[in-house]
Amino acid sequence: MTHRPFIMAVALASTAVTTAAPAFASPAPILAPADRYFGHLQMSILGVRNSLRDLRRQVEAHPDSAARIYEETVLVEDSLHDWAKKFPGDPWLPQFLYSLAELYRTIDTEDARVRKNDTLDWLIASYPTSDYAKMARI
């Protein structure tokens, strides 16, 4: 009878050791996968990057096409909003937002100027410590 408390203590200790720790939720991935598609155009990350670069080249070469280029840029922005909604911590977003603002700056229309300012506000508010937000404040 005197061993019974000892046996109970050993049994409890072994149960405590073998009991699995509670499962913790995995943190959401920070980087958007390259094979994910965003926005109405279902653009990949590379598609967004290439579109921003190509549209900038187009507006520089053909400023008379600003209205058409603006409309295409708005669709790229839609993809960026979707991307940021799904992967807000993706470290590539500040660079792409800055590139979007620069593209809007290059498009010489009042609507593009408003969107440029809105994009810079979005960049600064969402990624205040990024180098791109610092450049946007200058």
Protein backbone atom coordinates (compact mmCIF):
# COMPACT_ATOMS: atom_id res chain seq x y z
CA MET A 1 0.00 0.00 0.00
CA THR A 2 2.84 2.35 0.66
CA HIS A 3 4.02 2.02 -2.95
CA ARG A 4 0.70 3.00 -4.41
CA PRO A 5 1.28 6.79 -4.26
CA PHE A 6 4.70 6.29 -5.85
CA ILE A 7 3.21 4.20 -8.68
CA MET A 8 0.50 6.83 -9.21
CA ALA A 9 3.12 9.59 -9.39
CA VAL A 10 5.18 7.61 -11.93
CA ALA A 11 2.06 6.89 -14.00
CA LEU A 12 1.07 10.57 -14.01
CA ALA A 13 4.59 11.68 -14.93
CA SER A 14 4.81 9.23 -17.81
CA THR A 15 1.41 10.37 -19.07
CA ALA A 16 2.54 13.97 -18.96
CA VAL A 17 5.66 13.15 -20.94
CA THR A 18 3.85 11.18 -23.61
CA THR A 19 0.95 13.60 -24.03
CA ALA A 20 1.40 15.52 -27.25
CA ALA A 21 1.82 19.25 -27.04
CA PRO A 22 -1.07 21.24 -28.45
CA ALA A 23 -0.81 21.92 -32.16
CA PHE A 24 -0.20 25.54 -33.10
CA ALA A 25 -1.45 27.05 -36.32
CA SER A 26 1.23 27.43 -38.94
CA PRO A 27 1.98 31.03 -39.78
CA ALA A 28 0.61 32.17 -43.11
CA PRO A 29 3.20 32.20 -45.87
CA ILE A 30 4.73 35.61 -46.39
CA LEU A 31 5.89 35.25 -49.99
CA ALA A 32 3.29 34.87 -52.67
CA PRO A 33 3.98 31.73 -54.71
CA ALA A 34 5.10 32.35 -58.28
CA ASP A 35 2.28 30.17 -59.56
CA ARG A 36 -0.51 32.18 -57.88
CA TYR A 37 -2.64 34.52 -59.94
CA PHE A 38 -4.22 37.75 -58.78
CA GLY A 39 -6.94 40.18 -59.75
CA HIS A 40 -9.40 40.20 -62.62
CA LEU A 41 -6.61 39.56 -65.12
CA GLN A 42 -5.29 36.64 -63.04
CA MET A 43 -1.74 37.97 -63.24
CA SER A 44 1.24 36.18 -61.75
CA ILE A 45 3.96 38.05 -59.91
CA LEU A 46 6.07 37.97 -63.06
CA GLY A 47 3.10 39.16 -65.09
CA VAL A 48 2.69 42.16 -62.78
CA ARG A 49 6.39 42.98 -62.98
CA ASN A 50 6.51 42.64 -66.76
CA SER A 51 3.33 44.65 -67.25
CA LEU A 52 4.60 47.52 -65.13
CA ARG A 53 7.86 47.58 -67.11
CA ASP A 54 6.17 47.24 -70.51
CA LEU A 55 3.49 49.84 -69.80
CA ARG A 56 6.13 52.31 -68.67
CA ARG A 57 8.04 51.78 -71.91
CA GLN A 58 4.83 52.19 -73.91
CA VAL A 59 3.87 55.48 -72.29
CA GLU A 60 7.39 56.83 -72.74
CA ALA A 61 7.40 55.85 -76.43
CA HIS A 62 3.76 56.78 -77.14
CA PRO A 63 2.52 59.48 -74.74
CA ASP A 64 -0.50 59.97 -77.01
CA SER A 65 -1.69 56.51 -75.89
CA ALA A 66 -1.89 57.60 -72.25
CA ALA A 67 -5.63 56.89 -71.92
CA ARG A 68 -5.30 53.26 -73.09
CA ILE A 69 -2.17 52.71 -71.01
CA TYR A 70 -3.91 54.19 -67.97
CA GLU A 71 -6.76 51.68 -68.30
CA GLU A 72 -4.30 48.77 -68.51
CA THR A 73 -2.41 50.13 -65.51
CA VAL A 74 -5.60 50.17 -63.45
CA LEU A 75 -6.00 46.45 -64.17
CA VAL A 76 -2.44 45.80 -63.00
CA GLU A 77 -3.24 47.77 -59.85
CA ASP A 78 -6.23 45.50 -59.30
CA SER A 79 -3.86 42.52 -59.32
CA LEU A 80 -1.61 44.25 -56.80
CA HIS A 81 -4.56 44.88 -54.47
CA ASP A 82 -5.53 41.22 -54.65
CA TRP A 83 -1.93 40.14 -54.05
CA ALA A 84 -1.59 42.48 -51.05
CA LYS A 85 -4.88 41.24 -49.63
CA LYS A 86 -3.75 37.61 -49.78
CA PHE A 87 -0.07 38.08 -48.91
CA PRO A 88 0.22 41.43 -47.08
CA GLY A 89 3.67 40.62 -45.71
CA ASP A 90 5.26 39.83 -49.06
CA PRO A 91 8.48 41.87 -49.15
CA TRP A 92 8.19 42.34 -52.93
CA LEU A 93 5.04 44.45 -52.64
CA PRO A 94 6.69 47.77 -51.68
CA GLN A 95 8.87 47.68 -54.79
CA PHE A 96 5.92 46.91 -57.04
CA LEU A 97 3.80 49.63 -55.44
CA TYR A 98 6.57 52.14 -55.97
CA SER A 99 6.87 51.04 -59.61
CA LEU A 100 3.11 51.43 -60.01
CA ALA A 101 3.25 54.96 -58.60
CA GLU A 102 6.12 55.80 -60.95
CA LEU A 103 4.13 54.48 -63.90
CA TYR A 104 1.14 56.61 -62.92
CA ARG A 105 3.51 59.58 -62.62
CA THR A 106 4.65 58.99 -66.20
CA ILE A 107 1.08 58.87 -67.52
CA ASP A 108 0.13 62.50 -68.03
CA THR A 109 -3.53 62.56 -67.00
CA GLU A 110 -5.36 63.90 -63.95
CA ASP A 111 -6.72 60.43 -63.09
CA ALA A 112 -3.19 59.01 -63.16
CA ARG A 113 -1.94 61.77 -60.84
CA VAL A 114 -4.68 60.97 -58.34
CA ARG A 115 -3.89 57.25 -58.51
CA LYS A 116 -0.17 57.97 -58.11
CA ASN A 117 -0.87 59.80 -54.85
CA ASP A 118 -3.23 57.06 -53.68
CA THR A 119 -0.62 54.41 -54.44
CA LEU A 120 2.08 56.31 -52.56
CA ASP A 121 -0.28 56.68 -49.59
CA TRP A 122 -0.97 52.93 -49.73
CA LEU A 123 2.78 52.20 -49.86
CA ILE A 124 3.60 54.47 -46.93
CA ALA A 125 0.67 53.28 -44.80
CA SER A 126 1.19 49.56 -45.43
CA TYR A 127 4.99 49.36 -45.57
CA PRO A 128 6.22 52.39 -43.61
CA THR A 129 9.68 50.99 -42.85
CA SER A 130 10.48 49.86 -46.40
CA ASP A 131 13.11 51.68 -48.42
CA TYR A 132 10.44 52.37 -51.06
CA ALA A 133 8.19 54.12 -48.52
CA LYS A 134 11.16 56.23 -47.50
CA MET A 135 11.76 57.16 -51.14
CA ALA A 136 8.07 57.96 -51.54
CA ARG A 137 8.27 60.47 -48.70
CA ILE A 138 11.02 62.47 -50.40
